[in-house]
Structure formats: structure tokens, C-alpha cells
Amino acid sequence: MSEKVSLTFNQVLILLFTVYISNNGYTLVGGKPASVTKLVNNIAEGDLGIDESGALNKTGILGSVIGMKRKLEDMTHNILSGSNLIVTAIEQLSKHGITAIEFSNTG
């Protein structure tokens, strides 16, 4: 009889240890692995318009991925702004009858 109680106690310890390890795994990842995988795949496909408000625990890998997404958004915004400045400059040069080739030869 005591062997059965000991076995049950060991099973409870194993179960508690498993729960502890899996909770720590979620902490390291920052959420469910499937959710993090989906987010990373969306970013890899160029979708930066992902709603991150559902990511309650922005730590671990998930936090890093969200940080990467924000940096990519900033870079994209800066590239777009730079492109708009170039278009504006070309339009200004064009108004004055200067082509881009003529402008580059003056430098």
C-alpha cells in the first residue's frame, strides 16, 4: 500500500515540475509558441500592420519580435519620407528647367 502512495506522490511531483517548466517556457517565449510563430511569419511576409495589443506579456522572444517590428516600421517610414523628399526635389528642379542629369553633372 505504501508503494502506491509513494508512486502517486512521485506522479504529483512530476506533474508540478512539468507545469513549472512549461510556465517558465511561456515566460521565455513571451506567449504561446504558435502565436509568436504566426507573428514572426507575418513580419517575414512584410505585414507590419499587426495588432500587438493582444500580446499581454511583451517579454522574452515575443518582446524582441515586437521591438523588431517597431524598428522595421520606423525604417519603412524613414525610407518613405526620404523618397518623398527626393520626389519633391526633382519636381523643384524640373520647375526650373534643370534635369536630374544636369544637376548631377554640376557637382
N, C-alpha and C. Protein backbone atom coordinates (compact mmCIF):
# COMPACT_ATOMS: atom_id res chain seq x y z
N MET A 1 0.82 -1.19 0.00
CA MET A 1 0.00 0.00 0.00
C MET A 1 0.87 1.26 0.00
N SER A 2 1.95 1.27 0.78
CA SER A 2 2.80 2.45 0.84
C SER A 2 3.49 2.71 -0.50
N GLU A 3 3.76 1.66 -1.30
CA GLU A 3 4.35 1.86 -2.61
C GLU A 3 3.40 2.64 -3.52
N LYS A 4 2.12 2.37 -3.44
CA LYS A 4 1.13 3.06 -4.27
C LYS A 4 1.05 4.54 -3.89
N VAL A 5 1.09 4.86 -2.62
CA VAL A 5 1.06 6.25 -2.17
C VAL A 5 2.33 6.95 -2.62
N SER A 6 3.48 6.30 -2.52
CA SER A 6 4.75 6.86 -2.94
C SER A 6 4.74 7.12 -4.45
N LEU A 7 4.19 6.21 -5.22
CA LEU A 7 4.11 6.38 -6.66
C LEU A 7 3.21 7.57 -6.99
N THR A 8 2.10 7.71 -6.31
CA THR A 8 1.20 8.82 -6.53
C THR A 8 1.87 10.14 -6.16
N PHE A 9 2.61 10.14 -5.07
CA PHE A 9 3.33 11.34 -4.67
C PHE A 9 4.36 11.72 -5.73
N ASN A 10 5.08 10.74 -6.27
CA ASN A 10 6.06 10.99 -7.33
C ASN A 10 5.38 11.54 -8.58
N GLN A 11 4.22 11.02 -8.89
CA GLN A 11 3.48 11.50 -10.06
C GLN A 11 3.07 12.96 -9.87
N VAL A 12 2.65 13.31 -8.66
CA VAL A 12 2.28 14.69 -8.36
C VAL A 12 3.49 15.59 -8.49
N LEU A 13 4.63 15.15 -7.99
CA LEU A 13 5.86 15.95 -8.11
C LEU A 13 6.23 16.15 -9.58
N ILE A 14 6.12 15.10 -10.38
CA ILE A 14 6.42 15.21 -11.81
C ILE A 14 5.46 16.17 -12.48
N LEU A 15 4.19 16.10 -12.14
CA LEU A 15 3.19 16.99 -12.70
C LEU A 15 3.49 18.45 -12.34
N LEU A 16 3.80 18.70 -11.08
CA LEU A 16 4.12 20.07 -10.64
C LEU A 16 5.37 20.59 -11.35
N PHE A 17 6.35 19.73 -11.48
CA PHE A 17 7.58 20.11 -12.17
C PHE A 17 7.30 20.43 -13.64
N THR A 18 6.47 19.63 -14.28
CA THR A 18 6.10 19.86 -15.68
C THR A 18 5.37 21.19 -15.84
N VAL A 19 4.45 21.48 -14.95
CA VAL A 19 3.72 22.75 -15.00
C VAL A 19 4.69 23.92 -14.81
N TYR A 20 5.58 23.78 -13.86
CA TYR A 20 6.57 24.83 -13.61
C TYR A 20 7.44 25.09 -14.84
N ILE A 21 7.94 24.03 -15.45
CA ILE A 21 8.79 24.15 -16.63
C ILE A 21 8.03 24.77 -17.80
N SER A 22 6.79 24.34 -18.02
CA SER A 22 6.03 24.88 -19.15
C SER A 22 5.69 26.36 -18.92
N ASN A 23 5.41 26.75 -17.68
CA ASN A 23 5.16 28.18 -17.40
C ASN A 23 6.41 29.01 -17.64
N ASN A 24 7.57 28.49 -17.24
CA ASN A 24 8.82 29.20 -17.49
C ASN A 24 9.11 29.27 -18.98
N GLY A 25 8.73 28.25 -19.72
CA GLY A 25 8.90 28.26 -21.17
C GLY A 25 8.08 29.37 -21.80
N TYR A 26 6.83 29.55 -21.35
CA TYR A 26 6.00 30.64 -21.86
C TYR A 26 6.58 31.99 -21.50
N THR A 27 7.21 32.08 -20.33
CA THR A 27 7.84 33.33 -19.93
C THR A 27 9.01 33.66 -20.84
N LEU A 28 9.81 32.66 -21.17
CA LEU A 28 10.96 32.88 -22.05
C LEU A 28 10.51 33.26 -23.46
N VAL A 29 9.44 32.61 -23.93
CA VAL A 29 8.94 32.89 -25.26
C VAL A 29 8.12 34.18 -25.25
N GLY A 30 7.39 34.43 -24.18
CA GLY A 30 6.56 35.62 -24.07
C GLY A 30 5.12 35.38 -24.46
N GLY A 31 4.78 34.17 -24.72
CA GLY A 31 3.42 33.82 -25.11
C GLY A 31 3.39 32.41 -25.66
N LYS A 32 2.26 32.06 -26.24
CA LYS A 32 2.15 30.74 -26.83
C LYS A 32 3.04 30.66 -28.06
N PRO A 33 3.80 29.59 -28.19
CA PRO A 33 4.71 29.47 -29.34
C PRO A 33 4.00 29.63 -30.68
N ALA A 34 2.78 29.13 -30.80
CA ALA A 34 2.05 29.25 -32.07
C ALA A 34 1.76 30.72 -32.40
N SER A 35 1.43 31.52 -31.38
CA SER A 35 1.17 32.94 -31.60
C SER A 35 2.42 33.68 -32.02
N VAL A 36 3.53 33.37 -31.38
CA VAL A 36 4.80 34.01 -31.71
C VAL A 36 5.22 33.62 -33.13
N THR A 37 5.04 32.36 -33.48
CA THR A 37 5.37 31.89 -34.82
C THR A 37 4.55 32.61 -35.87
N LYS A 38 3.26 32.77 -35.61
CA LYS A 38 2.38 33.47 -36.56
C LYS A 38 2.84 34.92 -36.74
N LEU A 39 3.17 35.59 -35.64
CA LEU A 39 3.62 36.97 -35.70
C LEU A 39 4.91 37.09 -36.51
N VAL A 40 5.86 36.20 -36.25
CA VAL A 40 7.14 36.23 -36.97
C VAL A 40 6.92 35.97 -38.46
N ASN A 41 6.07 35.02 -38.79
CA ASN A 41 5.79 34.73 -40.20
C ASN A 41 5.14 35.92 -40.89
N ASN A 42 4.20 36.58 -40.23
CA ASN A 42 3.56 37.76 -40.81
C ASN A 42 4.58 38.87 -41.08
N ILE A 43 5.48 39.10 -40.13
CA ILE A 43 6.51 40.12 -40.31
C ILE A 43 7.43 39.73 -41.46
N ALA A 44 7.80 38.45 -41.53
CA ALA A 44 8.67 37.98 -42.61
C ALA A 44 8.03 38.17 -43.97
N GLU A 45 6.70 38.13 -44.03
CA GLU A 45 5.99 38.33 -45.28
C GLU A 45 5.74 39.81 -45.56
N GLY A 46 6.21 40.69 -44.69
CA GLY A 46 6.09 42.12 -44.91
C GLY A 46 4.88 42.76 -44.27
N ASP A 47 4.13 42.01 -43.48
CA ASP A 47 2.94 42.55 -42.83
C ASP A 47 3.34 43.15 -41.48
N LEU A 48 3.51 44.48 -41.46
CA LEU A 48 3.87 45.15 -40.22
C LEU A 48 2.65 45.74 -39.53
N GLY A 49 1.48 45.59 -40.12
CA GLY A 49 0.26 46.16 -39.55
C GLY A 49 -0.42 45.22 -38.57
N ILE A 50 0.36 44.51 -37.82
CA ILE A 50 -0.16 43.52 -36.89
C ILE A 50 -0.55 44.20 -35.59
N ASP A 51 -1.73 43.85 -35.09
CA ASP A 51 -2.19 44.40 -33.82
C ASP A 51 -1.47 43.68 -32.70
N GLU A 52 -0.65 44.41 -31.97
CA GLU A 52 0.12 43.80 -30.88
C GLU A 52 -0.53 43.98 -29.52
N SER A 53 -1.73 44.55 -29.49
CA SER A 53 -2.39 44.78 -28.21
C SER A 53 -2.76 43.47 -27.52
N GLY A 54 -2.92 42.41 -28.29
CA GLY A 54 -3.24 41.11 -27.70
C GLY A 54 -2.05 40.46 -27.02
N ALA A 55 -0.88 40.98 -27.26
CA ALA A 55 0.33 40.44 -26.65
C ALA A 55 0.48 41.04 -25.26
N LEU A 56 -0.11 40.39 -24.30
CA LEU A 56 -0.11 40.93 -22.94
C LEU A 56 1.28 40.89 -22.31
N ASN A 57 1.99 39.82 -22.59
CA ASN A 57 3.29 39.63 -21.97
C ASN A 57 4.38 39.93 -23.00
N LYS A 58 4.82 41.16 -23.05
CA LYS A 58 5.78 41.57 -24.07
C LYS A 58 7.20 41.37 -23.56
N THR A 59 7.51 40.14 -23.20
CA THR A 59 8.84 39.81 -22.71
C THR A 59 9.38 38.67 -23.57
N GLY A 60 10.58 38.29 -23.30
CA GLY A 60 11.18 37.15 -23.98
C GLY A 60 11.25 37.36 -25.48
N ILE A 61 11.10 36.28 -26.21
CA ILE A 61 11.19 36.32 -27.67
C ILE A 61 10.11 37.21 -28.25
N LEU A 62 8.89 37.13 -27.72
CA LEU A 62 7.79 37.95 -28.23
C LEU A 62 8.11 39.43 -28.10
N GLY A 63 8.66 39.84 -26.98
CA GLY A 63 9.04 41.23 -26.78
C GLY A 63 10.09 41.67 -27.79
N SER A 64 11.05 40.80 -28.07
CA SER A 64 12.08 41.12 -29.06
C SER A 64 11.49 41.23 -30.45
N VAL A 65 10.56 40.35 -30.79
CA VAL A 65 9.91 40.39 -32.11
C VAL A 65 9.10 41.67 -32.26
N ILE A 66 8.38 42.06 -31.23
CA ILE A 66 7.60 43.30 -31.28
C ILE A 66 8.53 44.50 -31.41
N GLY A 67 9.67 44.48 -30.71
CA GLY A 67 10.66 45.54 -30.86
C GLY A 67 11.21 45.60 -32.28
N MET A 68 11.47 44.43 -32.88
CA MET A 68 11.95 44.37 -34.25
C MET A 68 10.91 44.93 -35.21
N LYS A 69 9.65 44.59 -34.98
CA LYS A 69 8.55 45.09 -35.82
C LYS A 69 8.49 46.61 -35.76
N ARG A 70 8.62 47.17 -34.58
CA ARG A 70 8.58 48.63 -34.43
C ARG A 70 9.74 49.30 -35.15
N LYS A 71 10.94 48.71 -35.05
CA LYS A 71 12.11 49.26 -35.74
C LYS A 71 11.91 49.20 -37.26
N LEU A 72 11.35 48.10 -37.75
CA LEU A 72 11.08 47.98 -39.18
C LEU A 72 10.05 49.02 -39.63
N GLU A 73 9.06 49.28 -38.78
CA GLU A 73 8.07 50.32 -39.10
C GLU A 73 8.75 51.68 -39.19
N ASP A 74 9.64 51.97 -38.25
CA ASP A 74 10.37 53.24 -38.25
C ASP A 74 11.24 53.36 -39.51
N MET A 75 11.95 52.28 -39.84
CA MET A 75 12.81 52.31 -41.03
C MET A 75 11.97 52.52 -42.29
N THR A 76 10.85 51.83 -42.38
CA THR A 76 9.97 51.97 -43.54
C THR A 76 9.46 53.40 -43.66
N HIS A 77 9.08 53.98 -42.53
CA HIS A 77 8.61 55.36 -42.51
C HIS A 77 9.71 56.32 -42.97
N ASN A 78 10.93 56.11 -42.49
CA ASN A 78 12.05 56.97 -42.87
C ASN A 78 12.38 56.84 -44.35
N ILE A 79 12.33 55.64 -44.88
CA ILE A 79 12.59 55.43 -46.31
C ILE A 79 11.53 56.13 -47.14
N LEU A 80 10.28 56.00 -46.71
CA LEU A 80 9.19 56.67 -47.43
C LEU A 80 9.34 58.19 -47.39
N SER A 81 9.70 58.72 -46.24
CA SER A 81 9.91 60.16 -46.11
C SER A 81 11.05 60.62 -47.00
N GLY A 82 12.14 59.86 -47.02
CA GLY A 82 13.28 60.20 -47.88
C GLY A 82 12.90 60.16 -49.36
N SER A 83 12.10 59.18 -49.72
CA SER A 83 11.65 59.08 -51.11
C SER A 83 10.79 60.28 -51.48
N ASN A 84 9.93 60.70 -50.58
CA ASN A 84 9.09 61.87 -50.84
C ASN A 84 9.93 63.13 -50.99
N LEU A 85 10.99 63.25 -50.20
CA LEU A 85 11.88 64.41 -50.32
C LEU A 85 12.58 64.43 -51.67
N ILE A 86 12.99 63.26 -52.14
CA ILE A 86 13.65 63.17 -53.45
C ILE A 86 12.67 63.58 -54.56
N VAL A 87 11.43 63.08 -54.47
CA VAL A 87 10.42 63.45 -55.47
C VAL A 87 10.20 64.96 -55.46
N THR A 88 10.09 65.54 -54.28
CA THR A 88 9.89 67.00 -54.17
C THR A 88 11.08 67.75 -54.77
N ALA A 89 12.29 67.29 -54.50
CA ALA A 89 13.48 67.96 -55.04
C ALA A 89 13.50 67.87 -56.56
N ILE A 90 13.16 66.72 -57.11
CA ILE A 90 13.14 66.56 -58.57
C ILE A 90 12.08 67.47 -59.18
N GLU A 91 10.93 67.57 -58.51
CA GLU A 91 9.88 68.47 -59.01
C GLU A 91 10.35 69.92 -59.00
N GLN A 92 11.07 70.32 -57.96
CA GLN A 92 11.59 71.70 -57.87
C GLN A 92 12.61 71.96 -58.98
N LEU A 93 13.49 70.99 -59.18
CA LEU A 93 14.48 71.14 -60.25
C LEU A 93 13.79 71.23 -61.61
N SER A 94 12.78 70.41 -61.78
CA SER A 94 12.05 70.40 -63.05
C SER A 94 11.36 71.73 -63.31
N LYS A 95 10.85 72.37 -62.27
CA LYS A 95 10.21 73.68 -62.43
C LYS A 95 11.18 74.72 -62.95
N HIS A 96 12.45 74.54 -62.60
CA HIS A 96 13.48 75.49 -63.01
C HIS A 96 14.18 75.03 -64.29
N GLY A 97 13.64 73.99 -64.91
CA GLY A 97 14.19 73.52 -66.18
C GLY A 97 15.49 72.77 -66.06
N ILE A 98 15.79 72.27 -64.90
CA ILE A 98 17.03 71.52 -64.70
C ILE A 98 16.68 70.04 -64.61
N THR A 99 17.34 69.22 -65.41
CA THR A 99 17.11 67.78 -65.33
C THR A 99 18.03 67.21 -64.26
N ALA A 100 17.67 66.02 -63.81
CA ALA A 100 18.47 65.37 -62.78
C ALA A 100 19.88 65.09 -63.29
N ILE A 101 20.01 64.78 -64.56
CA ILE A 101 21.34 64.50 -65.13
C ILE A 101 22.18 65.77 -65.12
N GLU A 102 21.60 66.91 -65.51
CA GLU A 102 22.32 68.17 -65.50
C GLU A 102 22.74 68.54 -64.07
N PHE A 103 21.85 68.28 -63.11
CA PHE A 103 22.15 68.59 -61.72
C PHE A 103 23.31 67.75 -61.21
N SER A 104 23.33 66.46 -61.58
CA SER A 104 24.41 65.59 -61.09
C SER A 104 25.74 65.95 -61.72
N ASN A 105 25.74 66.55 -62.90
CA ASN A 105 27.00 66.95 -63.55
C ASN A 105 27.56 68.25 -63.00
N THR A 106 26.76 68.99 -62.21
CA THR A 106 27.25 70.25 -61.66
C THR A 106 28.10 70.06 -60.43
N GLY A 107 28.02 68.92 -59.79
CA GLY A 107 28.71 68.68 -58.53
C GLY A 107 30.12 68.40 -58.69
